[in-house]
């Protein structure tokens, strides 16, 4: 899209945008500061991945943050319920860490789920308009097998992360298929 200027020359849309911004910034001696909320995120390390399987029949999607030993033991029991000899749950210092349990629900063999990354960001506080809060977010990736075998599976993963009391948000990503 081009616009004709007063001399008949073509003006690009970008020039109009820049001119509008420049006009809005001048005069008055007031400085306007715009803060941009920057998200910080990092990948989940292999050493933080505690358990992955697809055999336990957990047909519903699972997104859980486990903050204590009792809830972790219960989730571990569900996750390992299909095994004849389930492994004991790993020791977690819940004063310093928490566990995250994700499940894809009823899926096809070959489908997978994992927590790709963990991060913090600021977002609007729904309880106090005009204010922001920091939240922790987990990026959960479900990978769907392009040509699945017949049957069903129930992919799950349990990870350990540093403890946070921040509100939790989930970001879902899907790939494959």
N, C-alpha and C. Protein backbone atom coordinates (compact mmCIF):
# COMPACT_ATOMS: atom_id res chain seq x y z
N UNK A 1 0.84 -1.16 0.00
CA UNK A 1 0.00 0.00 0.00
C UNK A 1 0.89 1.23 0.00
N UNK A 2 0.61 2.17 -0.87
CA UNK A 2 1.35 3.42 -0.92
C UNK A 2 0.36 4.57 -0.86
N UNK A 3 0.80 5.67 -0.29
CA UNK A 3 -0.02 6.87 -0.21
C UNK A 3 0.70 7.97 -0.97
N UNK A 4 -0.02 8.82 -1.70
CA UNK A 4 0.59 9.92 -2.45
C UNK A 4 0.77 11.11 -1.52
N UNK A 5 1.98 11.66 -1.48
CA UNK A 5 2.29 12.85 -0.68
C UNK A 5 1.86 14.10 -1.43
N UNK A 6 2.11 15.27 -0.83
CA UNK A 6 1.69 16.53 -1.44
C UNK A 6 2.41 16.82 -2.74
N UNK A 7 3.60 16.31 -2.93
CA UNK A 7 4.34 16.54 -4.17
C UNK A 7 4.10 15.42 -5.16
N UNK A 8 3.18 14.52 -4.86
CA UNK A 8 2.87 13.42 -5.77
C UNK A 8 3.80 12.24 -5.66
N UNK A 9 4.75 12.29 -4.71
CA UNK A 9 5.65 11.15 -4.53
C UNK A 9 4.99 10.09 -3.66
N UNK A 10 5.38 8.84 -3.87
CA UNK A 10 4.83 7.75 -3.06
C UNK A 10 5.45 7.76 -1.67
N UNK A 11 4.62 7.58 -0.64
CA UNK A 11 5.09 7.51 0.74
C UNK A 11 4.81 6.10 1.23
N UNK A 12 5.82 5.46 1.78
CA UNK A 12 5.62 4.10 2.26
C UNK A 12 4.84 4.12 3.57
N UNK A 13 4.11 3.05 3.87
CA UNK A 13 3.38 2.98 5.15
C UNK A 13 4.31 3.10 6.34
N UNK A 14 5.55 2.60 6.22
CA UNK A 14 6.51 2.68 7.33
C UNK A 14 6.89 4.13 7.61
N UNK A 15 7.01 4.93 6.58
CA UNK A 15 7.33 6.34 6.78
C UNK A 15 6.20 7.03 7.53
N UNK A 16 4.96 6.69 7.21
CA UNK A 16 3.81 7.28 7.92
C UNK A 16 3.82 6.89 9.39
N UNK A 17 4.13 5.64 9.67
CA UNK A 17 4.17 5.16 11.06
C UNK A 17 5.26 5.89 11.83
N UNK A 18 6.45 5.98 11.22
CA UNK A 18 7.56 6.67 11.89
C UNK A 18 7.25 8.14 12.11
N UNK A 19 6.64 8.78 11.12
CA UNK A 19 6.29 10.19 11.27
C UNK A 19 5.27 10.38 12.39
N UNK A 20 4.30 9.50 12.49
CA UNK A 20 3.30 9.58 13.55
C UNK A 20 3.94 9.42 14.92
N UNK A 21 4.87 8.48 15.02
CA UNK A 21 5.55 8.26 16.29
C UNK A 21 6.39 9.47 16.67
N UNK A 22 7.09 10.03 15.71
CA UNK A 22 7.94 11.19 15.98
C UNK A 22 7.08 12.38 16.41
N UNK A 23 5.95 12.57 15.78
CA UNK A 23 5.07 13.69 16.14
C UNK A 23 4.52 13.51 17.55
N UNK A 24 4.23 12.31 17.93
CA UNK A 24 3.68 12.04 19.24
C UNK A 24 4.69 12.14 20.36
N UNK A 25 5.98 12.08 20.05
CA UNK A 25 7.02 12.09 21.07
C UNK A 25 7.52 13.49 21.39
N UNK A 26 7.26 14.46 20.55
CA UNK A 26 7.86 15.77 20.74
C UNK A 26 7.06 16.66 21.66
N UNK A 27 7.71 17.78 22.09
CA UNK A 27 7.06 18.84 22.83
C UNK A 27 6.74 18.50 24.26
N UNK A 28 6.41 19.55 25.02
CA UNK A 28 5.94 19.39 26.38
C UNK A 28 7.01 19.06 27.39
N UNK A 29 8.18 18.63 27.00
CA UNK A 29 9.25 18.31 27.92
C UNK A 29 8.98 17.10 28.78
N UNK A 30 7.93 16.36 28.53
CA UNK A 30 7.62 15.17 29.31
C UNK A 30 8.25 13.95 28.65
N UNK A 31 8.79 13.07 29.46
CA UNK A 31 9.36 11.84 28.96
C UNK A 31 8.44 10.70 29.32
N UNK A 32 8.15 9.87 28.36
CA UNK A 32 7.28 8.73 28.60
C UNK A 32 8.12 7.47 28.57
N UNK A 33 8.04 6.66 29.62
CA UNK A 33 8.78 5.42 29.68
C UNK A 33 7.80 4.26 29.52
N UNK A 34 8.09 3.38 28.61
CA UNK A 34 7.26 2.20 28.41
C UNK A 34 8.06 1.00 28.87
N UNK A 35 7.51 0.27 29.83
CA UNK A 35 8.18 -0.93 30.31
C UNK A 35 7.62 -2.14 29.59
N UNK A 36 8.50 -2.96 29.11
CA UNK A 36 8.10 -4.18 28.42
C UNK A 36 8.41 -5.35 29.34
N UNK A 37 7.40 -6.15 29.60
CA UNK A 37 7.58 -7.33 30.45
C UNK A 37 8.39 -8.36 29.69
N UNK A 38 9.55 -8.68 30.20
CA UNK A 38 10.42 -9.65 29.55
C UNK A 38 10.28 -10.98 30.26
N UNK A 39 10.03 -12.00 29.50
CA UNK A 39 9.93 -13.34 30.07
C UNK A 39 11.33 -13.94 30.16
N UNK A 40 11.58 -14.63 31.24
CA UNK A 40 12.83 -15.37 31.40
C UNK A 40 12.46 -16.84 31.37
N UNK A 41 13.12 -17.62 30.57
CA UNK A 41 12.81 -19.05 30.48
C UNK A 41 14.09 -19.83 30.25
N UNK A 42 14.08 -21.09 30.64
CA UNK A 42 15.23 -21.96 30.44
C UNK A 42 14.72 -23.37 30.19
N UNK A 43 15.48 -24.16 29.43
CA UNK A 43 15.06 -25.54 29.16
C UNK A 43 15.18 -26.41 30.42
N UNK A 44 14.39 -27.45 30.45
CA UNK A 44 14.45 -28.41 31.55
C UNK A 44 15.64 -29.34 31.29
N UNK A 45 16.53 -29.43 32.25
CA UNK A 45 17.72 -30.27 32.09
C UNK A 45 17.37 -31.74 32.26
N UNK A 46 18.17 -32.58 31.65
CA UNK A 46 17.95 -34.04 31.72
C UNK A 46 17.93 -34.53 33.16
N UNK A 47 18.77 -33.97 34.01
CA UNK A 47 18.84 -34.42 35.41
C UNK A 47 17.57 -34.09 36.20
N UNK A 48 16.75 -33.17 35.68
CA UNK A 48 15.50 -32.80 36.36
C UNK A 48 14.33 -33.66 35.92
N UNK A 49 14.54 -34.48 34.90
CA UNK A 49 13.46 -35.35 34.41
C UNK A 49 13.45 -36.62 35.26
N UNK A 50 12.42 -36.79 36.07
CA UNK A 50 12.37 -37.88 37.04
C UNK A 50 11.73 -39.15 36.50
N UNK A 51 10.73 -39.00 35.64
CA UNK A 51 10.03 -40.20 35.17
C UNK A 51 9.27 -39.89 33.90
N UNK A 52 9.30 -40.85 32.98
CA UNK A 52 8.54 -40.74 31.73
C UNK A 52 8.04 -42.13 31.38
N UNK A 53 6.79 -42.22 30.95
CA UNK A 53 6.22 -43.51 30.58
C UNK A 53 4.97 -43.26 29.74
N UNK A 54 4.40 -44.34 29.23
CA UNK A 54 3.13 -44.21 28.50
C UNK A 54 2.21 -45.39 28.76
N UNK A 55 2.47 -46.14 29.86
CA UNK A 55 1.71 -47.36 30.11
C UNK A 55 0.60 -47.19 31.15
N UNK A 56 0.77 -46.29 32.11
CA UNK A 56 -0.26 -46.12 33.14
C UNK A 56 -1.54 -45.57 32.50
N UNK A 57 -2.65 -46.20 32.77
CA UNK A 57 -3.91 -45.78 32.15
C UNK A 57 -4.44 -44.56 32.88
N UNK A 58 -4.02 -43.38 32.39
CA UNK A 58 -4.46 -42.10 32.92
C UNK A 58 -5.10 -41.36 31.75
N UNK A 59 -6.40 -41.61 31.50
CA UNK A 59 -7.04 -41.13 30.26
C UNK A 59 -7.26 -39.63 30.17
N UNK A 60 -7.14 -38.90 31.28
CA UNK A 60 -7.37 -37.46 31.25
C UNK A 60 -6.05 -36.71 31.12
N UNK A 61 -6.12 -35.52 30.55
CA UNK A 61 -4.96 -34.64 30.49
C UNK A 61 -4.59 -34.24 31.91
N UNK A 62 -3.28 -34.21 32.20
CA UNK A 62 -2.82 -33.88 33.54
C UNK A 62 -1.88 -32.69 33.46
N UNK A 63 -2.10 -31.71 34.33
CA UNK A 63 -1.21 -30.57 34.53
C UNK A 63 -1.23 -30.30 36.02
N UNK A 64 -0.20 -30.77 36.74
CA UNK A 64 -0.19 -30.64 38.20
C UNK A 64 1.17 -30.15 38.68
N UNK A 65 1.15 -29.26 39.67
CA UNK A 65 2.36 -28.87 40.39
C UNK A 65 2.23 -29.46 41.78
N UNK A 66 3.23 -30.23 42.17
CA UNK A 66 3.20 -30.97 43.44
C UNK A 66 4.18 -30.30 44.40
N UNK A 67 3.64 -29.77 45.51
CA UNK A 67 4.44 -28.95 46.43
C UNK A 67 4.82 -29.67 47.72
N UNK A 68 4.37 -30.93 47.89
CA UNK A 68 4.67 -31.63 49.14
C UNK A 68 4.83 -33.13 48.88
N UNK A 69 5.41 -33.80 49.84
CA UNK A 69 5.70 -35.23 49.70
C UNK A 69 4.47 -36.10 49.56
N UNK A 70 3.39 -35.74 50.21
CA UNK A 70 2.17 -36.55 50.15
C UNK A 70 1.56 -36.52 48.75
N UNK A 71 1.40 -35.34 48.18
CA UNK A 71 0.83 -35.26 46.83
C UNK A 71 1.78 -35.87 45.80
N UNK A 72 3.10 -35.72 46.03
CA UNK A 72 4.07 -36.33 45.11
C UNK A 72 3.99 -37.85 45.16
N UNK A 73 3.90 -38.42 46.36
CA UNK A 73 3.81 -39.88 46.49
C UNK A 73 2.55 -40.41 45.81
N UNK A 74 1.45 -39.70 45.93
CA UNK A 74 0.21 -40.12 45.28
C UNK A 74 0.35 -40.06 43.76
N UNK A 75 0.92 -38.98 43.23
CA UNK A 75 1.11 -38.85 41.78
C UNK A 75 2.09 -39.90 41.27
N UNK A 76 3.15 -40.16 42.03
CA UNK A 76 4.14 -41.18 41.65
C UNK A 76 3.46 -42.54 41.57
N UNK A 77 2.60 -42.84 42.52
CA UNK A 77 1.86 -44.10 42.51
C UNK A 77 0.99 -44.24 41.27
N UNK A 78 0.31 -43.16 40.88
CA UNK A 78 -0.50 -43.18 39.66
C UNK A 78 0.39 -43.39 38.43
N UNK A 79 1.50 -42.66 38.38
CA UNK A 79 2.38 -42.70 37.21
C UNK A 79 3.00 -44.08 37.01
N UNK A 80 3.30 -44.76 38.09
CA UNK A 80 3.98 -46.06 37.99
C UNK A 80 3.04 -47.25 38.18
N UNK A 81 1.75 -47.01 38.18
CA UNK A 81 0.76 -48.06 38.50
C UNK A 81 0.75 -49.22 37.51
N UNK A 82 1.22 -49.04 36.30
CA UNK A 82 1.19 -50.12 35.30
C UNK A 82 2.39 -51.05 35.41
N UNK A 83 3.35 -50.72 36.26
CA UNK A 83 4.57 -51.52 36.39
C UNK A 83 4.40 -52.61 37.44
N UNK A 84 4.92 -53.80 37.13
CA UNK A 84 4.90 -54.89 38.11
C UNK A 84 5.77 -54.55 39.32
N UNK A 85 6.92 -53.94 39.07
CA UNK A 85 7.86 -53.56 40.12
C UNK A 85 8.12 -52.05 40.02
N UNK A 86 7.19 -51.23 40.51
CA UNK A 86 7.39 -49.78 40.36
C UNK A 86 8.62 -49.31 41.15
N UNK A 87 9.37 -48.37 40.56
CA UNK A 87 10.52 -47.84 41.28
C UNK A 87 10.06 -46.96 42.43
N UNK A 88 10.86 -46.87 43.48
CA UNK A 88 10.49 -45.98 44.58
C UNK A 88 10.59 -44.53 44.10
N UNK A 89 9.79 -43.66 44.67
CA UNK A 89 9.89 -42.25 44.26
C UNK A 89 11.24 -41.66 44.66
N UNK A 90 11.78 -40.80 43.84
CA UNK A 90 13.05 -40.16 44.20
C UNK A 90 12.85 -39.20 45.37
N UNK A 91 13.90 -38.96 46.10
CA UNK A 91 13.85 -38.02 47.22
C UNK A 91 13.82 -36.59 46.65
N UNK A 92 12.89 -35.79 47.14
CA UNK A 92 12.81 -34.39 46.74
C UNK A 92 12.74 -33.55 48.00
N UNK A 93 13.57 -32.53 48.08
CA UNK A 93 13.53 -31.58 49.18
C UNK A 93 12.48 -30.53 48.81
N UNK A 94 11.26 -30.68 49.34
CA UNK A 94 10.17 -29.80 48.96
C UNK A 94 10.30 -28.40 49.55
N UNK A 95 11.27 -28.16 50.40
CA UNK A 95 11.55 -26.80 50.85
C UNK A 95 12.26 -26.02 49.73
N UNK A 96 12.97 -26.74 48.88
CA UNK A 96 13.75 -26.12 47.79
C UNK A 96 13.18 -26.41 46.39
N UNK A 97 12.45 -27.51 46.25
CA UNK A 97 11.98 -27.93 44.93
C UNK A 97 10.48 -28.24 44.94
N UNK A 98 9.95 -28.42 43.76
CA UNK A 98 8.58 -28.91 43.56
C UNK A 98 8.63 -29.83 42.35
N UNK A 99 7.61 -30.65 42.21
CA UNK A 99 7.53 -31.57 41.07
C UNK A 99 6.40 -31.12 40.16
N UNK A 100 6.56 -31.39 38.88
CA UNK A 100 5.54 -31.06 37.89
C UNK A 100 5.18 -32.35 37.17
N UNK A 101 3.89 -32.66 37.12
CA UNK A 101 3.38 -33.91 36.54
C UNK A 101 2.48 -33.52 35.38
N UNK A 102 2.85 -33.95 34.17
CA UNK A 102 2.03 -33.68 32.98
C UNK A 102 1.67 -34.99 32.30
N UNK A 103 0.49 -35.04 31.74
CA UNK A 103 0.03 -36.21 31.01
C UNK A 103 -0.77 -35.79 29.80
N UNK A 104 -0.62 -36.53 28.72
CA UNK A 104 -1.30 -36.20 27.46
C UNK A 104 -2.71 -36.78 27.37
N UNK A 105 -3.05 -37.67 28.28
CA UNK A 105 -4.35 -38.33 28.18
C UNK A 105 -4.27 -39.48 27.17
N UNK A 106 -5.42 -39.96 26.75
CA UNK A 106 -5.48 -41.08 25.81
C UNK A 106 -4.84 -40.64 24.49
N UNK A 107 -3.83 -41.38 24.05
CA UNK A 107 -3.07 -41.04 22.85
C UNK A 107 -2.80 -42.29 22.04
N UNK A 108 -2.00 -42.14 20.99
CA UNK A 108 -1.58 -43.27 20.18
C UNK A 108 -0.16 -43.67 20.55
N UNK A 109 0.21 -44.94 20.36
CA UNK A 109 1.60 -45.33 20.61
C UNK A 109 2.54 -44.44 19.78
N UNK A 110 3.60 -44.01 20.42
CA UNK A 110 4.56 -43.13 19.76
C UNK A 110 4.37 -41.66 20.10
N UNK A 111 3.17 -41.27 20.57
CA UNK A 111 2.95 -39.90 20.99
C UNK A 111 3.75 -39.65 22.27
N UNK A 112 4.20 -38.43 22.48
CA UNK A 112 5.00 -38.10 23.66
C UNK A 112 4.55 -36.78 24.25
N UNK A 113 4.91 -36.59 25.51
CA UNK A 113 4.69 -35.32 26.18
C UNK A 113 5.92 -35.00 27.00
N UNK A 114 6.26 -33.71 27.07
CA UNK A 114 7.36 -33.30 27.94
C UNK A 114 7.24 -31.83 28.26
N UNK A 115 7.82 -31.45 29.40
CA UNK A 115 7.93 -30.05 29.75
C UNK A 115 9.22 -29.56 29.10
N UNK A 116 9.07 -28.71 28.07
CA UNK A 116 10.23 -28.20 27.34
C UNK A 116 11.03 -27.19 28.15
N UNK A 117 10.31 -26.26 28.77
CA UNK A 117 11.00 -25.19 29.48
C UNK A 117 10.14 -24.64 30.60
N UNK A 118 10.81 -23.89 31.48
CA UNK A 118 10.19 -23.27 32.64
C UNK A 118 10.61 -21.81 32.61
N UNK A 119 9.72 -20.92 32.98
CA UNK A 119 10.10 -19.52 32.97
C UNK A 119 9.26 -18.67 33.90
N UNK A 120 9.64 -17.41 33.99
CA UNK A 120 8.90 -16.41 34.75
C UNK A 120 8.58 -15.25 33.83
N UNK A 121 7.42 -14.64 34.04
CA UNK A 121 7.05 -13.44 33.30
C UNK A 121 6.06 -12.64 34.15
N UNK A 122 5.89 -11.40 33.76
CA UNK A 122 4.92 -10.53 34.44
C UNK A 122 3.68 -10.45 33.57
N UNK A 123 2.53 -10.40 34.25
CA UNK A 123 1.27 -10.26 33.53
C UNK A 123 0.30 -9.47 34.39
N UNK A 124 -0.77 -9.00 33.78
CA UNK A 124 -1.77 -8.22 34.50
C UNK A 124 -2.37 -9.05 35.63
N UNK A 125 -2.56 -8.40 36.76
CA UNK A 125 -3.17 -9.04 37.93
C UNK A 125 -4.69 -8.90 37.81
N UNK A 126 -5.37 -10.01 37.64
CA UNK A 126 -6.83 -9.97 37.48
C UNK A 126 -7.54 -9.53 38.76
N UNK A 127 -6.89 -9.66 39.91
CA UNK A 127 -7.49 -9.25 41.18
C UNK A 127 -7.33 -7.77 41.46
N UNK A 128 -6.26 -7.16 40.90
CA UNK A 128 -5.97 -5.74 41.14
C UNK A 128 -5.67 -5.06 39.81
N UNK A 129 -6.68 -4.50 39.17
CA UNK A 129 -6.47 -3.85 37.87
C UNK A 129 -5.39 -2.78 37.95
N UNK A 130 -4.59 -2.71 36.89
CA UNK A 130 -3.51 -1.74 36.82
C UNK A 130 -2.22 -2.22 37.45
N UNK A 131 -2.24 -3.39 38.03
CA UNK A 131 -1.03 -3.95 38.65
C UNK A 131 -0.61 -5.22 37.92
N UNK A 132 0.63 -5.60 38.13
CA UNK A 132 1.16 -6.82 37.52
C UNK A 132 1.62 -7.78 38.60
N UNK A 133 1.65 -9.06 38.24
CA UNK A 133 2.19 -10.09 39.12
C UNK A 133 3.19 -10.92 38.31
N UNK A 134 4.10 -11.55 39.01
CA UNK A 134 5.02 -12.47 38.34
C UNK A 134 4.43 -13.88 38.43
N UNK A 135 4.43 -14.57 37.31
CA UNK A 135 3.92 -15.95 37.27
C UNK A 135 5.03 -16.87 36.78
N UNK A 136 4.93 -18.13 37.16
CA UNK A 136 5.81 -19.15 36.62
C UNK A 136 5.03 -19.86 35.53
N UNK A 137 5.70 -20.13 34.41
CA UNK A 137 4.99 -20.84 33.35
C UNK A 137 5.81 -22.04 32.87
N UNK A 138 5.08 -23.05 32.47
CA UNK A 138 5.67 -24.28 31.97
C UNK A 138 5.24 -24.46 30.52
N UNK A 139 6.20 -24.66 29.64
CA UNK A 139 5.89 -24.92 28.24
C UNK A 139 5.83 -26.44 28.08
N UNK A 140 4.64 -26.94 27.77
CA UNK A 140 4.41 -28.38 27.63
C UNK A 140 4.25 -28.71 26.16
N UNK A 141 5.11 -29.59 25.66
CA UNK A 141 5.05 -29.99 24.25
C UNK A 141 4.50 -31.40 24.13
N UNK A 142 3.44 -31.53 23.34
CA UNK A 142 2.90 -32.84 22.99
C UNK A 142 3.30 -33.11 21.55
N UNK A 143 4.00 -34.22 21.35
CA UNK A 143 4.44 -34.61 20.02
C UNK A 143 3.58 -35.78 19.57
N UNK A 144 2.90 -35.59 18.44
CA UNK A 144 1.98 -36.59 17.92
C UNK A 144 2.69 -37.37 16.81
N UNK A 145 2.65 -38.68 16.91
CA UNK A 145 3.25 -39.56 15.90
C UNK A 145 2.51 -39.39 14.58
N UNK A 146 3.27 -39.17 13.51
CA UNK A 146 2.67 -38.92 12.20
C UNK A 146 1.92 -40.14 11.66
N UNK A 147 2.45 -41.32 11.88
CA UNK A 147 1.83 -42.55 11.38
C UNK A 147 1.76 -43.54 12.54
N UNK A 148 0.79 -43.35 13.46
CA UNK A 148 0.78 -44.15 14.69
C UNK A 148 0.40 -45.60 14.47
N UNK A 149 0.91 -46.43 15.37
CA UNK A 149 0.49 -47.83 15.41
C UNK A 149 -0.93 -47.87 15.95
N UNK A 150 -1.67 -48.93 15.63
CA UNK A 150 -3.00 -49.06 16.26
C UNK A 150 -2.83 -49.28 17.76
N UNK A 151 -3.75 -48.80 18.52
CA UNK A 151 -3.70 -48.98 19.97
C UNK A 151 -3.77 -47.65 20.67
N UNK A 152 -3.50 -47.69 21.96
CA UNK A 152 -3.52 -46.47 22.74
C UNK A 152 -2.40 -46.45 23.74
N UNK A 153 -2.01 -45.26 24.11
CA UNK A 153 -1.00 -45.07 25.14
C UNK A 153 -1.39 -43.84 25.95
N UNK A 154 -0.69 -43.60 27.04
CA UNK A 154 -1.03 -42.53 27.96
C UNK A 154 0.27 -41.84 28.41
N UNK A 155 0.88 -41.04 27.53
CA UNK A 155 2.19 -40.44 27.84
C UNK A 155 2.13 -39.51 29.05
N UNK A 156 3.14 -39.65 29.91
CA UNK A 156 3.28 -38.80 31.10
C UNK A 156 4.74 -38.44 31.29
N UNK A 157 4.96 -37.38 32.05
CA UNK A 157 6.31 -37.02 32.47
C UNK A 157 6.22 -36.34 33.83
N UNK A 158 7.23 -36.58 34.67
CA UNK A 158 7.36 -35.91 35.96
C UNK A 158 8.75 -35.29 35.99
N UNK A 159 8.80 -34.00 36.34
CA UNK A 159 10.08 -33.30 36.45
C UNK A 159 10.19 -32.64 37.81
N UNK A 160 11.40 -32.22 38.15
CA UNK A 160 11.67 -31.47 39.39
C UNK A 160 12.19 -30.09 38.99
N UNK A 161 11.68 -29.05 39.63
CA UNK A 161 12.15 -27.69 39.38
C UNK A 161 12.30 -26.97 40.72
N UNK A 162 12.99 -25.84 40.70
CA UNK A 162 13.10 -25.03 41.91
C UNK A 162 11.72 -24.58 42.36
N UNK A 163 11.54 -24.54 43.64
CA UNK A 163 10.23 -24.19 44.21
C UNK A 163 9.91 -22.73 43.93
N UNK A 164 8.65 -22.47 43.67
CA UNK A 164 8.15 -21.12 43.48
C UNK A 164 6.73 -21.06 44.03
N UNK A 165 6.41 -19.96 44.67
CA UNK A 165 5.05 -19.74 45.17
C UNK A 165 4.23 -18.92 44.17
N UNK A 166 4.83 -18.57 43.03
CA UNK A 166 4.15 -17.75 42.03
C UNK A 166 2.98 -18.52 41.42
N UNK A 167 1.96 -17.80 40.97
CA UNK A 167 0.86 -18.47 40.26
C UNK A 167 1.39 -19.20 39.02
N UNK A 168 0.75 -20.30 38.68
CA UNK A 168 1.22 -21.17 37.59
C UNK A 168 0.41 -20.93 36.32
N UNK A 169 1.13 -20.91 35.20
CA UNK A 169 0.50 -20.83 33.88
C UNK A 169 1.09 -21.95 33.02
N UNK A 170 0.29 -22.44 32.11
CA UNK A 170 0.71 -23.51 31.20
C UNK A 170 0.66 -22.98 29.77
N UNK A 171 1.71 -23.24 29.01
CA UNK A 171 1.71 -22.92 27.58
C UNK A 171 1.80 -24.25 26.85
N UNK A 172 0.86 -24.46 25.98
CA UNK A 172 0.79 -25.74 25.26
C UNK A 172 1.36 -25.58 23.86
N UNK A 173 2.20 -26.52 23.47
CA UNK A 173 2.73 -26.58 22.11
C UNK A 173 2.47 -27.97 21.58
N UNK A 174 2.20 -28.06 20.31
CA UNK A 174 1.91 -29.35 19.68
C UNK A 174 2.75 -29.46 18.42
N UNK A 175 3.33 -30.62 18.20
CA UNK A 175 4.11 -30.81 16.98
C UNK A 175 3.90 -32.23 16.47
N UNK A 176 4.28 -32.44 15.22
CA UNK A 176 4.13 -33.74 14.58
C UNK A 176 2.73 -33.93 14.04
N UNK A 177 2.48 -35.17 13.62
CA UNK A 177 1.16 -35.54 13.14
C UNK A 177 0.76 -34.75 11.95
